[in-house]
Amino acid sequence: MRTTVDNDAPTAERYRAFAEVEARGMSATYDAWALGVAGDRATIALIDELPPAKRQPNLVFSAARFHGAETAPYDDFREWLGAHWLEVRATAETHATQTNEAGRCALHLPALAEIPGPLALLEVGASAGLCLYPDRYSYRYSGHEQLDPADGPSPVVLDCEAREPNGAVPVPVPARLPDVVWRAGIDLHPLDVADAADLDWLDALIWPEHDDRRARLRAAASVVAADPPRIVAGDLNERLAALAAEAPADATLVVFHTAVIAYLDDAGRARFAETVRDLPGHWLSVEGRSIVPGIDVRTDVANDSTDFVLALDGVQRAWAQPHGRAVTWVPNP
């Protein structure tokens, strides 16, 4: 079962859990690196120079790859990390895990199709805003014809397996893309796809073996750079209500997030849930199974241990592969 982020756990434990729960079956490189770190006192001593919140495996590994660490066996990585630790440490201290996977729009789209438009999209934890453009990408759900924007196929094509195991309902793939008339986001440190360093950081956040995601990042960045979104800097709990109030009155507000509020403590999550429930419109969340307060998780529907819970207005609608590769819709409770 996917666990929550635990900044207080010993570093060895955090890296072993990352290997066994997060990376296993997703990245052989990160699986091996994390297990290697977990049993390596010298490397743990380096990582423990970072504040607890900055010791997370994905951040440290991404910072290393940002500075040129190559896919290699752990012993080679260990030697490289020791030689380049000062640069890696500085980047980990000043950056965050801001994975901006456009493929997640394939998870959001069926839920967005249920909401009357036009839509005003507000993403919390928006990073560079790539997920604010579900109307600008093309989609290929298994068993369905390709779905394109009104002006023709997009340079970004999102492939998603539409799973229906264990009596789950078919994924409600829409006949057309949503009409989005307003889009905005919040992030502690917004990224800009027009900035080469920011784009390189987003690239480094993609796991080593995921070349399809790396190509998709570059294509989505070109779409976003042509029409940059408004992303305000700040804490999501401090900025959400004011930014939501700027949405057009004649559009339906949708506040959404994916793999974001796991980084809040319990009080922060509770505050966020209370705020978003009081807003007009709808709330679309895609988070780990124990993350969002008040959601009745559907363990009666087959799912992978790493799947996220996709919920609309606090009710689970699907199990979702974290990077948008697959979605399993669930029956109404």
C-alpha atoms as a PDB file:
ATOM      1  CA  MET A   1       0.000   0.000   0.000  1.00  0.00           C
ATOM      2  CA  ARG A   2       1.305   3.458  -0.871  1.00  0.00           C
ATOM      3  CA  THR A   3       2.405   5.292   2.230  1.00  0.00           C
ATOM      4  CA  THR A   4       2.308   8.970   3.114  1.00  0.00           C
ATOM      5  CA  VAL A   5       5.418  11.130   3.160  1.00  0.00           C
ATOM      6  CA  ASP A   6       7.128  10.721   6.560  1.00  0.00           C
ATOM      7  CA  ASN A   7       9.836  13.305   7.031  1.00  0.00           C
ATOM      8  CA  ASP A   8      10.612  12.007  10.525  1.00  0.00           C
ATOM      9  CA  ALA A   9      11.499   8.447   9.544  1.00  0.00           C
ATOM     10  CA  PRO A  10      15.191   7.472   9.509  1.00  0.00           C
ATOM     11  CA  THR A  11      16.784   7.996   6.111  1.00  0.00           C
ATOM     12  CA  ALA A  12      17.503   4.297   5.609  1.00  0.00           C
ATOM     13  CA  GLU A  13      13.850   3.494   6.240  1.00  0.00           C
ATOM     14  CA  ARG A  14      12.646   6.201   3.861  1.00  0.00           C
ATOM     15  CA  TYR A  15      14.873   4.962   1.046  1.00  0.00           C
ATOM     16  CA  ARG A  16      13.985   1.308   1.583  1.00  0.00           C
ATOM     17  CA  ALA A  17      10.269   2.160   1.526  1.00  0.00           C
ATOM     18  CA  PHE A  18      10.754   4.229  -1.615  1.00  0.00           C
ATOM     19  CA  ALA A  19      12.416   1.279  -3.341  1.00  0.00           C
ATOM     20  CA  GLU A  20       9.797  -1.240  -2.316  1.00  0.00           C
ATOM     21  CA  VAL A  21       6.650   0.877  -2.636  1.00  0.00           C
ATOM     22  CA  GLU A  22       7.317   3.706  -5.082  1.00  0.00           C
ATOM     23  CA  ALA A  23      10.051   2.562  -7.470  1.00  0.00           C
ATOM     24  CA  ARG A  24       9.473  -1.193  -7.668  1.00  0.00           C
ATOM     25  CA  GLY A  25       8.131  -1.950 -11.130  1.00  0.00           C
ATOM     26  CA  MET A  26       8.373   1.718 -12.123  1.00  0.00           C
ATOM     27  CA  SER A  27      12.131   2.364 -12.272  1.00  0.00           C
ATOM     28  CA  ALA A  28      14.784  -0.302 -11.934  1.00  0.00           C
ATOM     29  CA  THR A  29      17.401   2.408 -11.525  1.00  0.00           C
ATOM     30  CA  TYR A  30      15.682   4.190  -8.652  1.00  0.00           C
ATOM     31  CA  ASP A  31      14.799   0.841  -7.047  1.00  0.00           C
ATOM     32  CA  ALA A  32      18.471  -0.130  -7.033  1.00  0.00           C
ATOM     33  CA  TRP A  33      19.733   3.302  -5.971  1.00  0.00           C
ATOM     34  CA  ALA A  34      17.272   3.555  -3.083  1.00  0.00           C
ATOM     35  CA  LEU A  35      18.073   0.082  -1.778  1.00  0.00           C
ATOM     36  CA  GLY A  36      21.760   0.895  -2.108  1.00  0.00           C
ATOM     37  CA  VAL A  37      21.397   4.089  -0.096  1.00  0.00           C
ATOM     38  CA  ALA A  38      19.360   2.275   2.563  1.00  0.00           C
ATOM     39  CA  GLY A  39      22.330   0.035   3.314  1.00  0.00           C
ATOM     40  CA  ASP A  40      25.104   2.604   2.885  1.00  0.00           C
ATOM     41  CA  ARG A  41      26.019   4.538   6.030  1.00  0.00           C
ATOM     42  CA  ALA A  42      28.412   6.889   4.246  1.00  0.00           C
ATOM     43  CA  THR A  43      25.809   8.029   1.704  1.00  0.00           C
ATOM     44  CA  ILE A  44      23.159   8.315   4.411  1.00  0.00           C
ATOM     45  CA  ALA A  45      25.512  10.605   6.319  1.00  0.00           C
ATOM     46  CA  LEU A  46      25.681  12.902   3.292  1.00  0.00           C
ATOM     47  CA  ILE A  47      21.917  12.928   2.796  1.00  0.00           C
ATOM     48  CA  ASP A  48      21.392  13.623   6.494  1.00  0.00           C
ATOM     49  CA  GLU A  49      23.153  16.949   6.000  1.00  0.00           C
ATOM     50  CA  LEU A  50      19.889  18.066   4.380  1.00  0.00           C
ATOM     51  CA  PRO A  51      16.844  19.157   6.366  1.00  0.00           C
ATOM     52  CA  PRO A  52      14.455  16.196   6.882  1.00  0.00           C
ATOM     53  CA  ALA A  53      11.950  17.442   4.292  1.00  0.00           C
ATOM     54  CA  LYS A  54      14.733  17.610   1.697  1.00  0.00           C
ATOM     55  CA  ARG A  55      15.993  14.048   2.189  1.00  0.00           C
ATOM     56  CA  GLN A  56      13.258  12.463   0.084  1.00  0.00           C
ATOM     57  CA  PRO A  57      14.663  10.022  -2.482  1.00  0.00           C
ATOM     58  CA  ASN A  58      12.982  11.504  -5.524  1.00  0.00           C
ATOM     59  CA  LEU A  59      14.385  14.957  -4.740  1.00  0.00           C
ATOM     60  CA  VAL A  60      17.928  13.769  -4.086  1.00  0.00           C
ATOM     61  CA  PHE A  61      17.987  11.516  -7.144  1.00  0.00           C
ATOM     62  CA  SER A  62      16.510  14.245  -9.358  1.00  0.00           C
ATOM     63  CA  ALA A  63      19.069  16.762  -8.100  1.00  0.00           C
ATOM     64  CA  ALA A  64      21.821  14.285  -8.937  1.00  0.00           C
ATOM     65  CA  ARG A  65      20.495  13.698 -12.431  1.00  0.00           C
ATOM     66  CA  PHE A  66      20.100  17.471 -12.897  1.00  0.00           C
ATOM     67  CA  HIS A  67      23.867  17.704 -12.399  1.00  0.00           C
ATOM     68  CA  GLY A  68      24.659  14.852 -14.769  1.00  0.00           C
ATOM     69  CA  ALA A  69      24.409  11.594 -12.837  1.00  0.00           C
ATOM     70  CA  GLU A  70      23.903   8.838 -15.403  1.00  0.00           C
ATOM     71  CA  THR A  71      21.836   5.676 -15.193  1.00  0.00           C
ATOM     72  CA  ALA A  72      24.305   3.214 -13.693  1.00  0.00           C
ATOM     73  CA  PRO A  73      24.652   0.516 -11.006  1.00  0.00           C
ATOM     74  CA  TYR A  74      24.502   1.767  -7.432  1.00  0.00           C
ATOM     75  CA  ASP A  75      28.236   1.512  -6.769  1.00  0.00           C
ATOM     76  CA  ASP A  76      28.912   3.862  -9.685  1.00  0.00           C
ATOM     77  CA  PHE A  77      26.182   6.241  -8.529  1.00  0.00           C
ATOM     78  CA  ARG A  78      27.563   6.179  -4.969  1.00  0.00           C
ATOM     79  CA  GLU A  79      31.002   7.202  -6.219  1.00  0.00           C
ATOM     80  CA  TRP A  80      29.573   9.942  -8.446  1.00  0.00           C
ATOM     81  CA  LEU A  81      27.375  11.310  -5.657  1.00  0.00           C
ATOM     82  CA  GLY A  82      30.300  11.545  -3.258  1.00  0.00           C
ATOM     83  CA  ALA A  83      32.311  13.516  -5.813  1.00  0.00           C
ATOM     84  CA  HIS A  84      29.447  15.911  -6.651  1.00  0.00           C
ATOM     85  CA  TRP A  85      27.657  16.129  -3.321  1.00  0.00           C
ATOM     86  CA  LEU A  86      28.087  19.872  -2.813  1.00  0.00           C
ATOM     87  CA  GLU A  87      26.272  20.671  -6.081  1.00  0.00           C
ATOM     88  CA  VAL A  88      23.582  18.062  -5.437  1.00  0.00           C
ATOM     89  CA  ARG A  89      23.023  19.294  -1.886  1.00  0.00           C
ATOM     90  CA  ALA A  90      22.674  22.912  -3.029  1.00  0.00           C
ATOM     91  CA  THR A  91      20.073  21.966  -5.638  1.00  0.00           C
ATOM     92  CA  ALA A  92      18.103  19.788  -3.225  1.00  0.00           C
ATOM     93  CA  GLU A  93      18.046  22.669  -0.733  1.00  0.00           C
ATOM     94  CA  THR A  94      16.678  25.164  -3.272  1.00  0.00           C
ATOM     95  CA  HIS A  95      14.371  22.967  -5.374  1.00  0.00           C
ATOM     96  CA  ALA A  96      11.294  20.810  -4.810  1.00  0.00           C
ATOM     97  CA  THR A  97       9.689  17.763  -6.364  1.00  0.00           C
ATOM     98  CA  GLN A  98       7.474  19.621  -8.823  1.00  0.00           C
ATOM     99  CA  THR A  99       6.791  16.803 -11.275  1.00  0.00           C
ATOM    100  CA  ASN A 100       4.556  18.266 -13.974  1.00  0.00           C
ATOM    101  CA  GLU A 101       3.201  15.295 -15.899  1.00  0.00           C
ATOM    102  CA  ALA A 102       0.836  16.315 -18.700  1.00  0.00           C
ATOM    103  CA  GLY A 103      -0.213  12.663 -18.951  1.00  0.00           C
ATOM    104  CA  ARG A 104      -2.257  13.166 -15.788  1.00  0.00           C
ATOM    105  CA  CYS A 105      -4.770  15.092 -17.879  1.00  0.00           C
ATOM    106  CA  ALA A 106      -5.920  11.690 -19.145  1.00  0.00           C
ATOM    107  CA  LEU A 107      -6.988  10.953 -15.571  1.00  0.00           C
ATOM    108  CA  HIS A 108      -8.737  14.291 -15.138  1.00  0.00           C
ATOM    109  CA  LEU A 109     -10.571  14.366 -18.466  1.00  0.00           C
ATOM    110  CA  PRO A 110     -13.405  11.855 -17.771  1.00  0.00           C
ATOM    111  CA  ALA A 111     -14.250  13.660 -14.522  1.00  0.00           C
ATOM    112  CA  LEU A 112     -14.108  17.082 -16.174  1.00  0.00           C
ATOM    113  CA  ALA A 113     -16.522  15.804 -18.829  1.00  0.00           C
ATOM    114  CA  GLU A 114     -19.175  15.326 -16.139  1.00  0.00           C
ATOM    115  CA  ILE A 115     -19.064  18.997 -15.167  1.00  0.00           C
ATOM    116  CA  PRO A 116     -21.175  21.544 -17.076  1.00  0.00           C
ATOM    117  CA  GLY A 117     -19.018  24.104 -18.871  1.00  0.00           C
ATOM    118  CA  PRO A 118     -17.533  26.414 -19.675  1.00  0.00           C
ATOM    119  CA  LEU A 119     -14.847  25.591 -17.105  1.00  0.00           C
ATOM    120  CA  ALA A 120     -12.537  27.730 -15.008  1.00  0.00           C
ATOM    121  CA  LEU A 121      -9.603  25.530 -13.944  1.00  0.00           C
ATOM    122  CA  LEU A 122      -7.564  26.246 -10.832  1.00  0.00           C
ATOM    123  CA  GLU A 123      -4.720  23.875 -10.029  1.00  0.00           C
ATOM    124  CA  VAL A 124      -2.989  23.827  -6.665  1.00  0.00           C
ATOM    125  CA  GLY A 125       0.611  22.678  -6.853  1.00  0.00           C
ATOM    126  CA  ALA A 126       0.620  23.675 -10.513  1.00  0.00           C
ATOM    127  CA  SER A 127       4.407  23.623 -11.068  1.00  0.00           C
ATOM    128  CA  ALA A 128       4.702  24.993 -14.647  1.00  0.00           C
ATOM    129  CA  GLY A 129       0.999  24.532 -15.399  1.00  0.00           C
ATOM    130  CA  LEU A 130       1.138  21.694 -17.948  1.00  0.00           C
ATOM    131  CA  CYS A 131      -1.979  20.075 -16.474  1.00  0.00           C
ATOM    132  CA  LEU A 132      -4.008  23.259 -16.969  1.00  0.00           C
ATOM    133  CA  TYR A 133      -4.402  22.470 -20.687  1.00  0.00           C
ATOM    134  CA  PRO A 134      -6.626  19.368 -20.957  1.00  0.00           C
ATOM    135  CA  ASP A 135      -8.356  20.992 -23.944  1.00  0.00           C
ATOM    136  CA  ARG A 136      -5.089  21.352 -25.898  1.00  0.00           C
ATOM    137  CA  TYR A 137      -3.939  17.715 -25.902  1.00  0.00           C
ATOM    138  CA  SER A 138      -5.012  14.625 -27.851  1.00  0.00           C
ATOM    139  CA  TYR A 139      -6.016  11.409 -26.053  1.00  0.00           C
ATOM    140  CA  ARG A 140      -5.884   7.708 -26.882  1.00  0.00           C
ATOM    141  CA  TYR A 141      -7.799   5.599 -24.371  1.00  0.00           C
ATOM    142  CA  SER A 142      -7.590   1.870 -25.013  1.00  0.00           C
ATOM    143  CA  GLY A 143     -10.704   0.704 -26.872  1.00  0.00           C
ATOM    144  CA  HIS A 144     -11.581   4.226 -28.031  1.00  0.00           C
ATOM    145  CA  GLU A 145     -10.786   6.362 -31.049  1.00  0.00           C
ATOM    146  CA  GLN A 146      -8.320   9.208 -30.627  1.00  0.00           C
ATOM    147  CA  LEU A 147      -9.902  12.336 -29.176  1.00  0.00           C
ATOM    148  CA  ASP A 148      -8.477  15.612 -30.511  1.00  0.00           C
ATOM    149  CA  PRO A 149      -8.936  19.330 -29.822  1.00  0.00           C
ATOM    150  CA  ALA A 150     -11.439  21.160 -32.005  1.00  0.00           C
ATOM    151  CA  ASP A 151      -8.665  22.598 -34.187  1.00  0.00           C
ATOM    152  CA  GLY A 152      -7.100  19.215 -34.916  1.00  0.00           C
ATOM    153  CA  PRO A 153      -4.587  16.737 -33.446  1.00  0.00           C
ATOM    154  CA  SER A 154      -2.228  18.054 -30.788  1.00  0.00           C
ATOM    155  CA  PRO A 155       1.546  17.556 -30.770  1.00  0.00           C
ATOM    156  CA  VAL A 156       0.891  16.021 -27.347  1.00  0.00           C
ATOM    157  CA  VAL A 157      -0.881  12.644 -27.507  1.00  0.00           C
ATOM    158  CA  LEU A 158      -1.718  11.047 -24.156  1.00  0.00           C
ATOM    159  CA  ASP A 159      -2.086   7.265 -24.094  1.00  0.00           C
ATOM    160  CA  CYS A 160      -4.098   5.808 -21.215  1.00  0.00           C
ATOM    161  CA  GLU A 161      -5.220   2.251 -20.523  1.00  0.00           C
ATOM    162  CA  ALA A 162      -8.914   2.231 -19.672  1.00  0.00           C
ATOM    163  CA  ARG A 163      -9.185  -0.647 -17.201  1.00  0.00           C
ATOM    164  CA  GLU A 164     -12.448  -2.351 -16.265  1.00  0.00           C
ATOM    165  CA  PRO A 165     -11.529  -5.207 -13.893  1.00  0.00           C
ATOM    166  CA  ASN A 166     -13.657  -6.631 -11.121  1.00  0.00           C
ATOM    167  CA  GLY A 167     -16.947  -5.318 -12.489  1.00  0.00           C
ATOM    168  CA  ALA A 168     -15.814  -1.691 -12.618  1.00  0.00           C
ATOM    169  CA  VAL A 169     -17.741   0.553 -14.975  1.00  0.00           C
ATOM    170  CA  PRO A 170     -16.282   1.603 -18.343  1.00  0.00           C
ATOM    171  CA  VAL A 171     -14.226   4.785 -18.281  1.00  0.00           C
ATOM    172  CA  PRO A 172     -16.619   7.569 -19.362  1.00  0.00           C
ATOM    173  CA  VAL A 173     -14.498   8.884 -22.229  1.00  0.00           C
ATOM    174  CA  PRO A 174     -16.163  12.068 -23.552  1.00  0.00           C
ATOM    175  CA  ALA A 175     -16.993  12.759 -27.180  1.00  0.00           C
ATOM    176  CA  ARG A 176     -15.327  16.167 -27.069  1.00  0.00           C
ATOM    177  CA  LEU A 177     -12.844  18.082 -24.971  1.00  0.00           C
ATOM    178  CA  PRO A 178     -13.963  20.597 -22.325  1.00  0.00           C
ATOM    179  CA  ASP A 179     -14.445  24.284 -23.032  1.00  0.00           C
ATOM    180  CA  VAL A 180     -11.871  25.950 -20.777  1.00  0.00           C
ATOM    181  CA  VAL A 181     -12.244  29.727 -20.572  1.00  0.00           C
ATOM    182  CA  TRP A 182     -10.002  30.489 -17.578  1.00  0.00           C
ATOM    183  CA  ARG A 183      -6.993  28.746 -16.090  1.00  0.00           C
ATOM    184  CA  ALA A 184      -4.779  29.610 -13.147  1.00  0.00           C
ATOM    185  CA  GLY A 185      -2.563  27.907 -10.610  1.00  0.00           C
ATOM    186  CA  ILE A 186      -0.798  28.171  -7.273  1.00  0.00           C
ATOM    187  CA  ASP A 187       2.681  26.887  -6.453  1.00  0.00           C
ATOM    188  CA  LEU A 188       5.245  27.641  -3.789  1.00  0.00           C
ATOM    189  CA  HIS A 189       7.840  28.107  -6.512  1.00  0.00           C
ATOM    190  CA  PRO A 190       6.228  28.364  -9.971  1.00  0.00           C
ATOM    191  CA  LEU A 191       8.276  27.113 -12.894  1.00  0.00           C
ATOM    192  CA  ASP A 192       8.385  28.616 -16.380  1.00  0.00           C
ATOM    193  CA  VAL A 193       8.718  26.295 -19.385  1.00  0.00           C
ATOM    194  CA  ALA A 194      10.303  29.175 -21.312  1.00  0.00           C
ATOM    195  CA  ASP A 195      13.187  29.147 -18.824  1.00  0.00           C
ATOM    196  CA  ALA A 196      15.805  26.573 -19.861  1.00  0.00           C
ATOM    197  CA  ALA A 197      16.883  25.813 -16.281  1.00  0.00           C
ATOM    198  CA  ASP A 198      13.286  25.287 -15.148  1.00  0.00           C
ATOM    199  CA  LEU A 199      12.626  22.973 -18.078  1.00  0.00           C
ATOM    200  CA  ASP A 200      15.804  21.030 -17.332  1.00  0.00           C
ATOM    201  CA  TRP A 201      14.648  20.602 -13.732  1.00  0.00           C
ATOM    202  CA  LEU A 202      11.292  19.257 -14.896  1.00  0.00           C
ATOM    203  CA  ASP A 203      13.210  16.866 -17.143  1.00  0.00           C
ATOM    204  CA  ALA A 204      15.370  15.699 -14.230  1.00  0.00           C
ATOM    205  CA  LEU A 205      12.251  14.932 -12.202  1.00  0.00           C
ATOM    206  CA  ILE A 206      11.195  12.318 -14.765  1.00  0.00           C
ATOM    207  CA  TRP A 207      12.444   8.880 -13.764  1.00  0.00           C
ATOM    208  CA  PRO A 208      15.351   7.501 -15.830  1.00  0.00           C
ATOM    209  CA  GLU A 209      13.546   4.828 -17.858  1.00  0.00           C
ATOM    210  CA  HIS A 210      10.513   6.979 -18.738  1.00  0.00           C
ATOM    211  CA  ASP A 211      11.626   8.266 -22.134  1.00  0.00           C
ATOM    212  CA  ASP A 212       8.034   8.605 -23.355  1.00  0.00           C
ATOM    213  CA  ARG A 213       7.306  11.024 -20.518  1.00  0.00           C
ATOM    214  CA  ARG A 214      10.469  12.987 -21.319  1.00  0.00           C
ATOM    215  CA  ALA A 215       9.400  13.477 -24.945  1.00  0.00           C
ATOM    216  CA  ARG A 216       5.886  14.402 -23.808  1.00  0.00           C
ATOM    217  CA  LEU A 217       7.265  17.028 -21.435  1.00  0.00           C
ATOM    218  CA  ARG A 218       9.033  18.831 -24.263  1.00  0.00           C
ATOM    219  CA  ALA A 219       5.959  18.696 -26.511  1.00  0.00           C
ATOM    220  CA  ALA A 220       3.623  19.924 -23.764  1.00  0.00           C
ATOM    221  CA  ALA A 221       6.051  22.695 -22.876  1.00  0.00           C
ATOM    222  CA  SER A 222       5.768  24.032 -26.427  1.00  0.00           C
ATOM    223  CA  VAL A 223       1.970  24.121 -26.107  1.00  0.00           C
ATOM    224  CA  VAL A 224       2.111  25.945 -22.781  1.00  0.00           C
ATOM    225  CA  ALA A 225       4.832  28.387 -23.871  1.00  0.00           C
ATOM    226  CA  ALA A 226       2.570  29.569 -26.706  1.00  0.00           C
ATOM    227  CA  ASP A 227      -0.106  30.636 -24.178  1.00  0.00           C
ATOM    228  CA  PRO A 228       1.455  30.861 -20.694  1.00  0.00           C
ATOM    229  CA  PRO A 229      -0.848  30.362 -17.703  1.00  0.00           C
ATOM    230  CA  ARG A 230      -1.138  32.609 -14.697  1.00  0.00           C
ATOM    231  CA  ILE A 231       0.479  30.887 -11.732  1.00  0.00           C
ATOM    232  CA  VAL A 232       0.731  32.752  -8.447  1.00  0.00           C
ATOM    233  CA  ALA A 233       3.486  32.025  -5.958  1.00  0.00           C
ATOM    234  CA  GLY A 234       2.546  31.110  -2.431  1.00  0.00           C
ATOM    235  CA  ASP A 235       1.097  28.601  -0.008  1.00  0.00           C
ATOM    236  CA  LEU A 236      -2.015  26.909  -1.391  1.00  0.00           C
ATOM    237  CA  ASN A 237      -3.925  27.353   1.847  1.00  0.00           C
ATOM    238  CA  GLU A 238      -3.130  31.067   1.901  1.00  0.00           C
ATOM    239  CA  ARG A 239      -3.839  31.816  -1.767  1.00  0.00           C
ATOM    240  CA  LEU A 240      -6.673  29.478  -2.771  1.00  0.00           C
ATOM    241  CA  ALA A 241      -9.772  31.453  -1.780  1.00  0.00           C
ATOM    242  CA  ALA A 242      -8.569  34.750  -3.259  1.00  0.00           C
ATOM    243  CA  LEU A 243      -7.505  33.219  -6.567  1.00  0.00           C
ATOM    244  CA  ALA A 244     -10.744  31.233  -6.852  1.00  0.00           C
ATOM    245  CA  ALA A 245     -12.668  34.502  -6.450  1.00  0.00           C
ATOM    246  CA  GLU A 246     -11.062  35.753  -9.680  1.00  0.00           C
ATOM    247  CA  ALA A 247     -12.650  33.017 -11.797  1.00  0.00           C
ATOM    248  CA  PRO A 248     -15.341  34.247 -14.218  1.00  0.00           C
ATOM    249  CA  ALA A 249     -18.801  34.184 -12.689  1.00  0.00           C
ATOM    250  CA  ASP A 250     -20.291  32.591 -15.811  1.00  0.00           C
ATOM    251  CA  ALA A 251     -17.876  29.627 -15.734  1.00  0.00           C
ATOM    252  CA  THR A 252     -17.874  26.549 -13.500  1.00  0.00           C
ATOM    253  CA  LEU A 253     -14.909  26.565 -11.146  1.00  0.00           C
ATOM    254  CA  VAL A 254     -12.936  23.311 -10.837  1.00  0.00           C
ATOM    255  CA  VAL A 255     -10.177  23.195  -8.227  1.00  0.00           C
ATOM    256  CA  PHE A 256      -7.886  20.226  -8.860  1.00  0.00           C
ATOM    257  CA  HIS A 257      -4.586  18.724  -7.740  1.00  0.00           C
ATOM    258  CA  THR A 258      -2.507  15.583  -8.231  1.00  0.00           C
ATOM    259  CA  ALA A 259       0.107  14.269  -5.777  1.00  0.00           C
ATOM    260  CA  VAL A 260       0.275  17.600  -3.964  1.00  0.00           C
ATOM    261  CA  ILE A 261      -1.364  17.627  -0.549  1.00  0.00           C
ATOM    262  CA  ALA A 262       0.634  14.625   0.614  1.00  0.00           C
ATOM    263  CA  TYR A 263       3.290  17.255   1.326  1.00  0.00           C
ATOM    264  CA  LEU A 264       1.036  19.001   3.871  1.00  0.00           C
ATOM    265  CA  ASP A 265       0.717  17.913   7.472  1.00  0.00           C
ATOM    266  CA  ASP A 266      -2.622  16.648   8.790  1.00  0.00           C
ATOM    267  CA  ALA A 267      -3.736  20.113   9.893  1.00  0.00           C
ATOM    268  CA  GLY A 268      -2.832  21.589   6.495  1.00  0.00           C
ATOM    269  CA  ARG A 269      -4.779  18.900   4.662  1.00  0.00           C
ATOM    270  CA  ALA A 270      -7.810  19.397   6.865  1.00  0.00           C
ATOM    271  CA  ARG A 271      -7.679  23.153   6.333  1.00  0.00           C
ATOM    272  CA  PHE A 272      -7.385  22.726   2.586  1.00  0.00           C
ATOM    273  CA  ALA A 273     -10.302  20.285   2.409  1.00  0.00           C
ATOM    274  CA  GLU A 274     -12.488  22.650   4.428  1.00  0.00           C
ATOM    275  CA  THR A 275     -11.593  25.620   2.215  1.00  0.00           C
ATOM    276  CA  VAL A 276     -12.163  23.874  -1.094  1.00  0.00           C
ATOM    277  CA  ARG A 277     -15.472  22.367   0.040  1.00  0.00           C
ATOM    278  CA  ASP A 278     -16.725  25.879   0.840  1.00  0.00           C
ATOM    279  CA  LEU A 279     -15.916  27.181  -2.646  1.00  0.00           C
ATOM    280  CA  PRO A 280     -18.492  27.227  -5.441  1.00  0.00           C
ATOM    281  CA  GLY A 281     -17.961  24.681  -8.199  1.00  0.00           C
ATOM    282  CA  HIS A 282     -16.220  21.319  -7.977  1.00  0.00           C
ATOM    283  CA  TRP A 283     -13.174  19.653  -6.454  1.00  0.00           C
ATOM    284  CA  LEU A 284     -11.122  17.078  -8.364  1.00  0.00           C
ATOM    285  CA  SER A 285      -8.389  15.308  -6.381  1.00  0.00           C
ATOM    286  CA  VAL A 286      -5.916  12.619  -7.425  1.00  0.00           C
ATOM    287  CA  GLU A 287      -3.878  11.642  -4.380  1.00  0.00           C
ATOM    288  CA  GLY A 288      -2.613   8.661  -2.395  1.00  0.00           C
ATOM    289  CA  ARG A 289      -5.257   6.504  -0.788  1.00  0.00           C
ATOM    290  CA  SER A 290      -4.836   7.864   2.740  1.00  0.00           C
ATOM    291  CA  ILE A 291      -4.187  11.490   1.882  1.00  0.00           C
ATOM    292  CA  VAL A 292      -7.469  13.370   1.364  1.00  0.00           C
ATOM    293  CA  PRO A 293      -9.649  13.611   4.487  1.00  0.00           C
ATOM    294  CA  GLY A 294     -13.154  12.207   4.265  1.00  0.00           C
ATOM    295  CA  ILE A 295     -12.905  10.015   1.133  1.00  0.00           C
ATOM    296  CA  ASP A 296     -14.331   6.494   1.382  1.00  0.00           C
ATOM    297  CA  VAL A 297     -11.662   4.516  -0.501  1.00  0.00           C
ATOM    298  CA  ARG A 298     -13.023   1.784  -2.773  1.00  0.00           C
ATOM    299  CA  THR A 299     -10.914  -1.232  -1.885  1.00  0.00           C
ATOM    300  CA  ASP A 300     -13.687  -3.439  -3.322  1.00  0.00           C
ATOM    301  CA  VAL A 301     -12.397  -2.570  -6.833  1.00  0.00           C
ATOM    302  CA  ALA A 302      -9.127  -4.160  -7.992  1.00  0.00           C
ATOM    303  CA  ASN A 303      -6.195  -1.748  -7.967  1.00  0.00           C
ATOM    304  CA  ASP A 304      -2.412  -1.626  -7.972  1.00  0.00           C
ATOM    305  CA  SER A 305      -0.630  -0.830  -4.715  1.00  0.00           C
ATOM    306  CA  THR A 306       0.756   2.389  -6.194  1.00  0.00           C
ATOM    307  CA  ASP A 307      -2.565   3.646  -7.618  1.00  0.00           C
ATOM    308  CA  PHE A 308      -3.934   7.020  -6.569  1.00  0.00           C
ATOM    309  CA  VAL A 309      -7.528   7.735  -5.573  1.00  0.00           C
ATOM    310  CA  LEU A 310      -9.296   9.961  -8.104  1.00  0.00           C
ATOM    311  CA  ALA A 311     -12.224  11.697  -6.421  1.00  0.00           C
ATOM    312  CA  LEU A 312     -14.771  14.265  -7.535  1.00  0.00           C
ATOM    313  CA  ASP A 313     -16.264  16.372  -4.762  1.00  0.00           C
ATOM    314  CA  GLY A 314     -14.917  13.993  -2.140  1.00  0.00           C
ATOM    315  CA  VAL A 315     -16.292  10.782  -3.686  1.00  0.00           C
ATOM    316  CA  GLN A 316     -13.922   8.288  -5.279  1.00  0.00           C
ATOM    317  CA  ARG A 317     -14.615   7.836  -8.982  1.00  0.00           C
ATOM    318  CA  ALA A 318     -11.551   5.873 -10.098  1.00  0.00           C
ATOM    319  CA  TRP A 319      -8.205   4.283  -9.334  1.00  0.00           C
ATOM    320  CA  ALA A 320      -5.489   6.101 -11.236  1.00  0.00           C
ATOM    321  CA  GLN A 321      -1.915   5.239 -12.185  1.00  0.00           C
ATOM    322  CA  PRO A 322       0.107   8.195 -10.835  1.00  0.00           C
ATOM    323  CA  HIS A 323       1.547   9.339 -14.178  1.00  0.00           C
ATOM    324  CA  GLY A 324      -1.654   8.937 -16.188  1.00  0.00           C
ATOM    325  CA  ARG A 325      -0.873   5.606 -17.850  1.00  0.00           C
ATOM    326  CA  ALA A 326      -4.060   3.873 -16.682  1.00  0.00           C
ATOM    327  CA  VAL A 327      -7.388   4.555 -15.012  1.00  0.00           C
ATOM    328  CA  THR A 328     -10.020   2.206 -13.530  1.00  0.00           C
ATOM    329  CA  TRP A 329     -13.462   3.754 -13.069  1.00  0.00           C
ATOM    330  CA  VAL A 330     -15.448   2.429 -10.113  1.00  0.00           C
ATOM    331  CA  PRO A 331     -19.206   1.827  -9.755  1.00  0.00           C
ATOM    332  CA  ASN A 332     -21.283   4.375  -7.880  1.00  0.00           C
ATOM    333  CA  PRO A 333     -21.344   3.541  -4.164  1.00  0.00           C
END
